[in-house]
Amino acid sequence: MRYKNQVIIAWVGYDWANSAFTTLVVTFVYATYFSQAIAPDEVTGITLWSRAVAISGIFIALLAPFLGTLADRGKTRHRYLIAATLICITATAILTFIKPGQPHAVLLALVIFVIANVAFEIGTVFYNAFLPAIAPPGKIGRISGFGWGLGYLGGLVCLLMALLILIRDIPLFGISTTAGFNYRASNLLVAVWFLVFSIPTLFLLRTPKSRIRESSIQPTTTIGLLRDFRQTFNEISAYRDTLRFFIARLVYNDGMVTIFAFGGIYAASTFDMSLSEVIQFGIGINVAAGIGAWLSGPLDDRFGGKTIILTTLIALAGFTLLAATAPNKTWIWIAGIGIGIFSGPNQAASRSLLGRFAPVERRNQFFGLFAFSGKITAFIGPLLLGLVTQWTGNQRIGITTVLGFFLVGGILLLTVKEERGIALSKHK
């Protein structure tokens, strides 16, 4: 039991470690800095950032299911988690040294960001696949929710460190402000944070031997991987509720990806927030998201993941509409806190619902498809927002594109029967 608890702690600890990347790099600090300092102007910055996020989504969609299949056959889930984590950390650190105005700065920043983002998401595929193996019966919702909550707390603490040490008129420890180095150094902070706090996960997290698929001892070949991957796609049709869930998530996750990628940029450019104010805004959202994720865990186990997801989608649509029409900073703060409260439970419940639906022998592949369903069209939301913003010159109109993803995804989720999906996973 002690070993089991250590493994669970190691698993949730990775949420604490990796959340700094999504919070500081993808959403609040570097995304805003890129659009304001590296890109020629803010509208161009939003357009280019949207395309980088879209390209990341395409790469992830292509790689995630294949790597999930590879891990299932070769017992390499842990090895690939380490590799993806280290690539993400290295690429994030490199972003620190790309200066505004240097030759090809925009292209370099976007390429390195895409590499870091793809590695981050691929690592998440393998990380998520551990959840059903390490969670005690009936506790998957609590553990998933606790992990998300701890992740938001980690992002909050790292944001606070950036605000107190770097994002100030006179940074601490003699850190230079030349060419915005104190802002760029937030990437180095993220890299160190991610490396240090992922160490327990990378050393302690293992799949119990009793839960490793027998086929994992078989030789791994490219043809075998492709055959196994194709078989997974063929078999998924037999799990009709899982398939419907994947399709629904394919849609509503587009909204989540878009709102995360552009929340900080939207707040900064539409409401004239300074980077310091954007970080404070991000801190508030992370506090709200962490509270929401923690509170949703027991509710998930009691009422089911589908109910939690549907509730959050309705709320997210409402608060997104409020963000698009907010007349001043007070109202954008209210909208942001609302989005935070319901985004944490949405992500935690989505992960735990798949954990209940996934057959024991194909968890990695199903979590690979989970990433696939979350990323195969994830370029559409950011791309659409960027195009609408570019066409209209109005970011408020651009942000309303997110509403459709939440509403359509919720309608599709209504067709999922959770109890039937769980039963099928146990008897197929």
Protein backbone atom coordinates (compact mmCIF):
# COMPACT_ATOMS: atom_id res chain seq x y z
CA MET A 1 0.00 0.00 0.00
CA ARG A 2 2.87 2.35 0.79
CA TYR A 3 4.35 1.72 -2.68
CA LYS A 4 0.94 2.32 -4.23
CA ASN A 5 0.63 5.67 -2.45
CA GLN A 6 4.13 6.66 -3.58
CA VAL A 7 3.19 5.90 -7.18
CA ILE A 8 -0.01 7.96 -6.92
CA ILE A 9 1.92 10.88 -5.42
CA ALA A 10 4.51 10.58 -8.18
CA TRP A 11 1.74 10.58 -10.79
CA VAL A 12 -0.11 13.66 -9.53
CA GLY A 13 3.25 15.38 -9.02
CA TYR A 14 3.74 15.48 -12.78
CA ASP A 15 0.66 17.70 -13.08
CA TRP A 16 2.36 20.09 -10.65
CA ALA A 17 5.55 19.98 -12.72
CA ASN A 18 4.23 20.35 -16.26
CA SER A 19 1.53 22.95 -15.60
CA ALA A 20 4.16 25.70 -15.58
CA PHE A 21 4.60 25.19 -19.32
CA THR A 22 0.95 25.61 -20.25
CA THR A 23 0.42 28.45 -17.79
CA LEU A 24 3.47 30.61 -18.51
CA VAL A 25 4.50 29.66 -22.04
CA VAL A 26 1.28 28.75 -23.86
CA THR A 27 -1.24 31.02 -22.16
CA PHE A 28 -0.07 34.02 -20.17
CA VAL A 29 3.56 35.15 -20.29
CA TYR A 30 5.37 34.04 -23.43
CA ALA A 31 2.30 34.10 -25.69
CA THR A 32 1.67 37.71 -24.66
CA TYR A 33 5.36 38.65 -24.89
CA PHE A 34 5.59 37.16 -28.38
CA SER A 35 2.61 39.14 -29.67
CA GLN A 36 3.79 42.39 -28.07
CA ALA A 37 7.58 42.28 -28.46
CA ILE A 38 8.69 39.73 -31.06
CA ALA A 39 5.89 39.95 -33.64
CA PRO A 40 5.63 43.13 -35.77
CA ASP A 41 2.29 44.06 -34.16
CA GLU A 42 -0.33 42.48 -31.91
CA VAL A 43 -2.82 41.44 -34.61
CA THR A 44 -0.01 39.79 -36.58
CA GLY A 45 1.23 38.23 -33.35
CA ILE A 46 -2.16 36.67 -32.63
CA THR A 47 -2.42 35.39 -36.20
CA LEU A 48 1.06 33.83 -36.13
CA TRP A 49 0.59 32.38 -32.64
CA SER A 50 -2.71 30.82 -33.76
CA ARG A 51 -0.94 29.16 -36.67
CA ALA A 52 1.82 27.82 -34.41
CA VAL A 53 -0.77 26.30 -32.07
CA ALA A 54 -2.58 24.87 -35.10
CA ILE A 55 0.59 23.30 -36.51
CA SER A 56 1.32 21.80 -33.08
CA GLY A 57 -2.13 20.24 -33.12
CA ILE A 58 -1.55 18.65 -36.51
CA PHE A 59 1.75 17.09 -35.43
CA ILE A 60 0.26 15.82 -32.18
CA ALA A 61 -2.73 14.32 -33.99
CA LEU A 62 -0.39 12.42 -36.31
CA LEU A 63 2.02 11.20 -33.62
CA ALA A 64 -0.10 10.54 -30.53
CA PRO A 65 -1.99 7.37 -31.56
CA PHE A 66 1.10 5.84 -33.18
CA LEU A 67 3.19 6.37 -30.05
CA GLY A 68 0.36 5.03 -27.90
CA THR A 69 0.44 1.83 -29.93
CA LEU A 70 4.23 1.67 -29.66
CA ALA A 71 4.12 1.97 -25.87
CA ASP A 72 1.49 -0.77 -25.57
CA ARG A 73 3.61 -3.23 -27.54
CA GLY A 74 7.03 -2.44 -26.16
CA LYS A 75 6.61 -1.62 -22.45
CA THR A 76 8.19 1.75 -23.26
CA ARG A 77 5.57 4.08 -21.81
CA HIS A 78 7.92 5.30 -19.09
CA ARG A 79 10.86 5.70 -21.47
CA TYR A 80 8.84 7.83 -23.88
CA LEU A 81 7.52 9.95 -21.02
CA ILE A 82 11.11 10.75 -20.04
CA ALA A 83 12.13 11.55 -23.63
CA ALA A 84 9.15 13.82 -24.30
CA THR A 85 9.64 15.63 -20.99
CA LEU A 86 13.32 16.34 -21.64
CA ILE A 87 12.66 17.58 -25.20
CA CYS A 88 9.97 19.95 -23.93
CA ILE A 89 12.25 21.26 -21.17
CA THR A 90 15.16 21.82 -23.56
CA ALA A 91 13.08 23.62 -26.19
CA THR A 92 11.46 25.81 -23.54
CA ALA A 93 14.86 26.86 -22.22
CA ILE A 94 16.00 27.77 -25.75
CA LEU A 95 13.10 30.25 -26.08
CA THR A 96 14.86 32.36 -23.45
CA PHE A 97 17.64 33.29 -25.85
CA ILE A 98 15.59 34.40 -28.87
CA LYS A 99 15.72 38.21 -28.82
CA PRO A 100 13.31 40.67 -30.44
CA GLY A 101 14.80 42.11 -33.60
CA GLN A 102 17.40 39.41 -34.16
CA PRO A 103 17.41 37.79 -37.64
CA HIS A 104 14.50 35.39 -38.08
CA ALA A 105 13.42 35.88 -34.45
CA VAL A 106 9.73 35.36 -35.25
CA LEU A 107 10.33 32.13 -37.17
CA LEU A 108 12.79 30.77 -34.61
CA ALA A 109 10.45 31.49 -31.71
CA LEU A 110 7.51 29.81 -33.42
CA VAL A 111 9.49 26.72 -34.50
CA ILE A 112 10.98 26.17 -31.04
CA PHE A 113 7.57 26.72 -29.44
CA VAL A 114 6.00 24.11 -31.74
CA ILE A 115 8.70 21.58 -30.79
CA ALA A 116 8.16 22.25 -27.08
CA ASN A 117 4.38 22.10 -27.37
CA VAL A 118 4.36 18.86 -29.36
CA ALA A 119 6.76 17.22 -26.90
CA PHE A 120 4.62 18.41 -23.99
CA GLU A 121 1.44 16.92 -25.46
CA ILE A 122 3.10 13.64 -26.44
CA GLY A 123 4.39 13.30 -22.88
CA THR A 124 0.85 13.85 -21.66
CA VAL A 125 -0.32 10.85 -23.72
CA PHE A 126 1.98 8.51 -21.82
CA TYR A 127 1.39 10.22 -18.49
CA ASN A 128 -2.41 9.96 -18.76
CA ALA A 129 -2.16 6.29 -19.69
CA PHE A 130 -0.79 5.51 -16.20
CA LEU A 131 -3.99 6.74 -14.50
CA PRO A 132 -6.20 3.62 -14.78
CA ALA A 133 -3.27 1.40 -13.76
CA ILE A 134 -2.40 3.26 -10.56
CA ALA A 135 -5.86 4.39 -9.39
CA PRO A 136 -7.69 2.22 -6.80
CA PRO A 137 -11.19 1.07 -7.82
CA GLY A 138 -13.74 3.88 -7.58
CA LYS A 139 -11.08 6.55 -7.03
CA ILE A 140 -10.13 7.47 -10.59
CA GLY A 141 -12.20 10.67 -10.57
CA ARG A 142 -10.71 11.85 -7.27
CA ILE A 143 -7.14 11.17 -8.37
CA SER A 144 -7.64 12.80 -11.77
CA GLY A 145 -9.30 15.82 -10.17
CA PHE A 146 -6.60 16.09 -7.52
CA GLY A 147 -3.94 15.95 -10.23
CA TRP A 148 -5.58 18.75 -12.21
CA GLY A 149 -6.02 20.80 -9.06
CA LEU A 150 -2.40 20.32 -8.07
CA GLY A 151 -1.42 21.27 -11.61
CA TYR A 152 -3.28 24.56 -11.43
CA LEU A 153 -1.67 25.23 -8.05
CA GLY A 154 1.74 24.54 -9.57
CA GLY A 155 1.04 26.95 -12.40
CA LEU A 156 -0.09 29.52 -9.84
CA VAL A 157 3.09 29.23 -7.76
CA CYS A 158 5.31 29.45 -10.83
CA LEU A 159 3.37 32.51 -12.03
CA LEU A 160 3.87 34.14 -8.64
CA MET A 161 7.60 33.45 -8.82
CA ALA A 162 7.76 35.03 -12.28
CA LEU A 163 5.85 38.08 -11.04
CA LEU A 164 7.93 38.54 -7.88
CA ILE A 165 11.34 37.80 -9.40
CA LEU A 166 11.22 38.67 -13.12
CA ILE A 167 8.20 40.70 -14.25
CA ARG A 168 8.98 43.93 -12.41
CA ASP A 169 10.75 47.23 -13.05
CA ILE A 170 13.87 46.06 -11.24
CA PRO A 171 14.12 42.24 -11.32
CA LEU A 172 15.72 40.45 -8.38
CA PHE A 173 19.21 38.93 -8.38
CA GLY A 174 20.49 41.49 -10.89
CA ILE A 175 18.62 39.93 -13.80
CA SER A 176 18.93 42.16 -16.85
CA THR A 177 16.00 43.93 -18.50
CA THR A 178 17.92 44.48 -21.76
CA ALA A 179 15.89 43.35 -24.79
CA GLY A 180 13.23 42.08 -22.40
CA PHE A 181 15.50 39.39 -20.94
CA ASN A 182 13.56 39.39 -17.66
CA TYR A 183 10.41 38.44 -19.60
CA ARG A 184 12.21 35.86 -21.71
CA ALA A 185 13.80 34.39 -18.58
CA SER A 186 10.35 33.18 -17.56
CA ASN A 187 10.96 30.34 -20.05
CA LEU A 188 14.13 29.37 -18.18
CA LEU A 189 12.15 29.42 -14.93
CA VAL A 190 9.61 27.06 -16.50
CA ALA A 191 12.34 24.72 -17.76
CA VAL A 192 14.01 24.48 -14.34
CA TRP A 193 10.64 24.08 -12.59
CA PHE A 194 9.55 21.31 -14.97
CA LEU A 195 12.88 19.47 -14.65
CA VAL A 196 13.12 19.61 -10.86
CA PHE A 197 9.54 18.66 -10.06
CA SER A 198 9.24 15.92 -12.67
CA ILE A 199 12.17 13.98 -11.19
CA PRO A 200 10.04 12.01 -8.66
CA THR A 201 7.61 11.08 -11.44
CA LEU A 202 10.33 9.97 -13.83
CA PHE A 203 12.01 7.82 -11.16
CA LEU A 204 9.05 6.38 -9.25
CA LEU A 205 6.22 6.05 -11.75
CA ARG A 206 5.89 2.53 -13.13
CA THR A 207 3.06 0.36 -14.42
CA PRO A 208 2.48 -2.62 -12.08
CA LYS A 209 3.82 -5.79 -13.74
CA SER A 210 0.45 -7.49 -13.32
CA ARG A 211 -1.10 -4.83 -15.57
CA ILE A 212 1.40 -4.91 -18.42
CA ARG A 213 -0.02 -6.45 -21.56
CA GLU A 214 1.32 -9.86 -22.46
CA SER A 215 1.90 -8.76 -26.05
CA SER A 216 4.39 -6.23 -24.78
CA ILE A 217 7.06 -8.94 -24.78
CA GLN A 218 6.65 -9.40 -28.52
CA PRO A 219 9.12 -7.81 -30.93
CA THR A 220 8.21 -4.32 -32.08
CA THR A 221 8.27 -3.64 -35.82
CA THR A 222 6.94 -0.78 -37.89
CA ILE A 223 4.56 -3.09 -39.74
CA GLY A 224 3.36 -4.53 -36.45
CA LEU A 225 2.80 -1.07 -35.01
CA LEU A 226 0.77 0.02 -38.02
CA ARG A 227 -1.26 -3.19 -37.92
CA ASP A 228 -1.95 -2.77 -34.21
CA PHE A 229 -2.86 0.89 -34.71
CA ARG A 230 -5.26 0.02 -37.53
CA GLN A 231 -6.77 -2.71 -35.38
CA THR A 232 -7.38 -0.18 -32.61
CA PHE A 233 -9.30 2.04 -35.01
CA ASN A 234 -11.30 -0.95 -36.22
CA GLU A 235 -12.06 -2.09 -32.69
CA ILE A 236 -13.05 1.33 -31.38
CA SER A 237 -16.32 1.09 -33.30
CA ALA A 238 -17.32 -1.75 -30.97
CA TYR A 239 -17.02 0.66 -28.04
CA ARG A 240 -19.75 2.95 -29.32
CA ASP A 241 -19.96 5.22 -26.28
CA THR A 242 -16.19 5.65 -26.21
CA LEU A 243 -16.30 6.52 -29.91
CA ARG A 244 -19.08 9.06 -29.33
CA PHE A 245 -17.13 10.54 -26.43
CA PHE A 246 -14.05 10.89 -28.63
CA ILE A 247 -16.09 12.72 -31.27
CA ALA A 248 -17.68 15.04 -28.70
CA ARG A 249 -14.31 15.80 -27.13
CA LEU A 250 -12.83 16.39 -30.57
CA VAL A 251 -15.20 19.35 -30.80
CA TYR A 252 -15.35 20.82 -27.30
CA ASN A 253 -11.62 20.44 -26.71
CA ASP A 254 -11.06 22.76 -29.67
CA GLY A 255 -12.73 25.42 -27.57
CA MET A 256 -10.52 24.60 -24.58
CA VAL A 257 -7.32 24.72 -26.63
CA THR A 258 -8.31 28.05 -28.16
CA ILE A 259 -9.32 29.76 -24.93
CA PHE A 260 -6.08 28.62 -23.24
CA ALA A 261 -3.87 29.69 -26.14
CA PHE A 262 -5.38 33.17 -26.44
CA GLY A 263 -6.70 34.10 -23.00
CA GLY A 264 -3.64 36.10 -22.01
CA ILE A 265 -3.22 37.73 -25.42
CA TYR A 266 -6.91 38.70 -25.54
CA ALA A 267 -6.82 40.26 -22.06
CA ALA A 268 -3.64 42.20 -22.81
CA SER A 269 -4.60 43.64 -26.17
CA THR A 270 -8.35 44.20 -25.71
CA PHE A 271 -8.19 45.66 -22.19
CA ASP A 272 -4.72 47.25 -22.32
CA MET A 273 -3.35 45.02 -19.58
CA SER A 274 0.35 45.15 -18.89
CA LEU A 275 2.25 41.87 -18.73
CA SER A 276 2.27 42.20 -14.94
CA GLU A 277 -1.53 42.57 -14.97
CA VAL A 278 -1.84 39.58 -17.31
CA ILE A 279 0.14 37.48 -14.82
CA GLN A 280 -2.13 38.61 -11.97
CA PHE A 281 -5.09 37.71 -14.18
CA GLY A 282 -3.52 34.29 -14.78
CA ILE A 283 -2.98 33.80 -11.06
CA GLY A 284 -6.66 34.45 -10.40
CA ILE A 285 -7.72 32.02 -13.12
CA ASN A 286 -5.36 29.31 -11.85
CA VAL A 287 -6.64 29.65 -8.29
CA ALA A 288 -10.21 29.30 -9.56
CA ALA A 289 -9.32 26.36 -11.82
CA GLY A 290 -7.52 24.52 -9.03
CA ILE A 291 -10.45 24.94 -6.66
CA GLY A 292 -12.84 23.78 -9.36
CA ALA A 293 -10.77 20.69 -10.19
CA TRP A 294 -10.41 19.67 -6.54
CA LEU A 295 -14.10 20.11 -5.79
CA SER A 296 -15.14 18.22 -8.90
CA GLY A 297 -13.27 15.00 -8.05
CA PRO A 298 -15.76 13.61 -5.50
CA LEU A 299 -18.66 14.91 -7.63
CA ASP A 300 -17.22 13.06 -10.62
CA ASP A 301 -17.11 9.77 -8.71
CA ARG A 302 -20.66 10.34 -7.46
CA PHE A 303 -22.48 11.70 -10.52
CA GLY A 304 -20.23 10.52 -13.36
CA GLY A 305 -17.90 12.25 -15.77
CA LYS A 306 -20.55 12.96 -18.40
CA THR A 307 -22.67 15.06 -16.03
CA ILE A 308 -19.64 17.07 -14.92
CA ILE A 309 -18.49 17.70 -18.49
CA LEU A 310 -21.95 18.81 -19.67
CA THR A 311 -22.31 21.21 -16.74
CA THR A 312 -18.91 22.73 -17.40
CA LEU A 313 -19.56 23.19 -21.13
CA ILE A 314 -22.72 25.19 -20.48
CA ALA A 315 -20.88 27.37 -17.97
CA LEU A 316 -17.83 27.80 -20.21
CA ALA A 317 -20.01 28.96 -23.10
CA GLY A 318 -21.69 31.52 -20.86
CA PHE A 319 -18.45 32.93 -19.45
CA THR A 320 -16.83 33.02 -22.91
CA LEU A 321 -19.75 35.12 -24.14
CA LEU A 322 -19.24 37.39 -21.14
CA ALA A 323 -15.53 37.71 -22.01
CA ALA A 324 -16.40 38.70 -25.58
CA THR A 325 -18.80 41.42 -24.43
CA ALA A 326 -17.02 42.57 -21.26
CA PRO A 327 -17.04 46.40 -21.10
CA ASN A 328 -14.04 46.76 -18.78
CA LYS A 329 -11.36 44.97 -16.76
CA THR A 330 -13.74 44.14 -13.90
CA TRP A 331 -15.98 42.10 -16.18
CA ILE A 332 -13.10 40.34 -17.93
CA TRP A 333 -11.86 39.32 -14.48
CA ILE A 334 -15.29 37.89 -13.66
CA ALA A 335 -15.36 36.04 -16.99
CA GLY A 336 -11.82 34.74 -16.51
CA ILE A 337 -12.49 33.44 -13.00
CA GLY A 338 -15.65 31.72 -14.25
CA ILE A 339 -13.76 30.07 -17.10
CA GLY A 340 -11.10 28.96 -14.62
CA ILE A 341 -13.59 27.41 -12.19
CA PHE A 342 -15.15 25.25 -14.89
CA SER A 343 -12.13 24.46 -17.07
CA GLY A 344 -10.42 22.41 -14.34
CA PRO A 345 -13.39 20.06 -13.81
CA ASN A 346 -13.88 19.73 -17.58
CA GLN A 347 -10.36 18.46 -18.14
CA ALA A 348 -10.27 16.26 -15.05
CA ALA A 349 -13.65 14.66 -15.82
CA SER A 350 -12.69 14.06 -19.47
CA ARG A 351 -9.57 12.19 -18.38
CA SER A 352 -11.34 10.13 -15.73
CA LEU A 353 -14.23 9.26 -18.07
CA LEU A 354 -11.83 7.77 -20.59
CA GLY A 355 -10.08 5.95 -17.75
CA ARG A 356 -13.40 4.22 -17.03
CA PHE A 357 -14.06 3.49 -20.70
CA ALA A 358 -10.58 2.14 -21.61
CA PRO A 359 -10.12 -1.66 -21.71
CA VAL A 360 -7.21 -2.78 -19.53
CA GLU A 361 -5.19 -4.26 -22.38
CA ARG A 362 -5.39 -1.18 -24.61
CA ARG A 363 -5.13 1.76 -22.25
CA ASN A 364 -2.12 3.35 -23.94
CA GLN A 365 -3.79 3.15 -27.34
CA PHE A 366 -7.04 4.58 -26.01
CA PHE A 367 -5.19 7.43 -24.34
CA GLY A 368 -3.30 7.91 -27.59
CA LEU A 369 -6.67 8.20 -29.32
CA PHE A 370 -7.75 10.51 -26.48
CA ALA A 371 -4.92 12.84 -27.46
CA PHE A 372 -5.80 12.23 -31.10
CA SER A 373 -9.43 13.25 -30.51
CA GLY A 374 -8.24 16.30 -28.64
CA LYS A 375 -5.72 17.37 -31.26
CA ILE A 376 -6.72 16.11 -34.72
CA THR A 377 -8.91 19.18 -35.24
CA ALA A 378 -7.37 21.33 -32.49
CA PHE A 379 -5.80 23.51 -35.16
CA ILE A 380 -9.28 24.58 -36.33
CA GLY A 381 -10.19 26.62 -33.25
CA PRO A 382 -6.97 28.68 -33.07
CA LEU A 383 -6.84 29.02 -36.85
CA LEU A 384 -10.47 30.15 -37.03
CA LEU A 385 -9.98 32.67 -34.22
CA GLY A 386 -6.86 34.01 -35.92
CA LEU A 387 -8.54 34.30 -39.32
CA VAL A 388 -11.68 35.98 -37.96
CA THR A 389 -9.55 38.40 -35.94
CA GLN A 390 -7.44 39.16 -39.01
CA TRP A 391 -10.49 39.62 -41.28
CA THR A 392 -12.46 41.81 -38.87
CA GLY A 393 -9.61 43.49 -37.00
CA ASN A 394 -11.71 42.81 -33.88
CA GLN A 395 -10.56 40.35 -31.22
CA ARG A 396 -13.96 40.34 -29.52
CA ILE A 397 -15.53 38.89 -32.65
CA GLY A 398 -12.65 36.44 -32.92
CA ILE A 399 -13.14 35.09 -29.39
CA THR A 400 -16.84 34.35 -30.03
CA THR A 401 -15.78 31.53 -32.37
CA VAL A 402 -15.07 29.48 -29.24
CA LEU A 403 -18.78 29.38 -28.30
CA GLY A 404 -19.71 27.03 -31.13
CA PHE A 405 -17.18 24.41 -30.06
CA PHE A 406 -18.54 24.27 -26.50
CA LEU A 407 -22.18 24.11 -27.57
CA VAL A 408 -21.80 21.54 -30.37
CA GLY A 409 -19.50 19.40 -28.21
CA GLY A 410 -22.10 19.39 -25.44
CA ILE A 411 -24.86 18.33 -27.83
CA LEU A 412 -22.73 15.45 -29.12
CA LEU A 413 -21.91 14.36 -25.56
CA LEU A 414 -25.61 13.90 -24.85
CA THR A 415 -25.50 10.75 -27.01
CA VAL A 416 -22.96 9.07 -24.69
CA LYS A 417 -24.29 6.50 -22.18
CA GLU A 418 -21.68 6.36 -19.44
CA GLU A 419 -22.81 3.19 -17.65
CA ARG A 420 -23.05 1.27 -20.91
CA GLY A 421 -19.57 2.43 -21.92
CA ILE A 422 -18.08 1.24 -18.63
CA ALA A 423 -19.81 -2.13 -18.94
CA LEU A 424 -18.51 -2.63 -22.48
CA SER A 425 -14.93 -1.93 -21.41
CA LYS A 426 -15.12 -4.76 -18.88
CA HIS A 427 -16.75 -7.39 -21.07
CA LYS A 428 -15.21 -6.96 -24.51
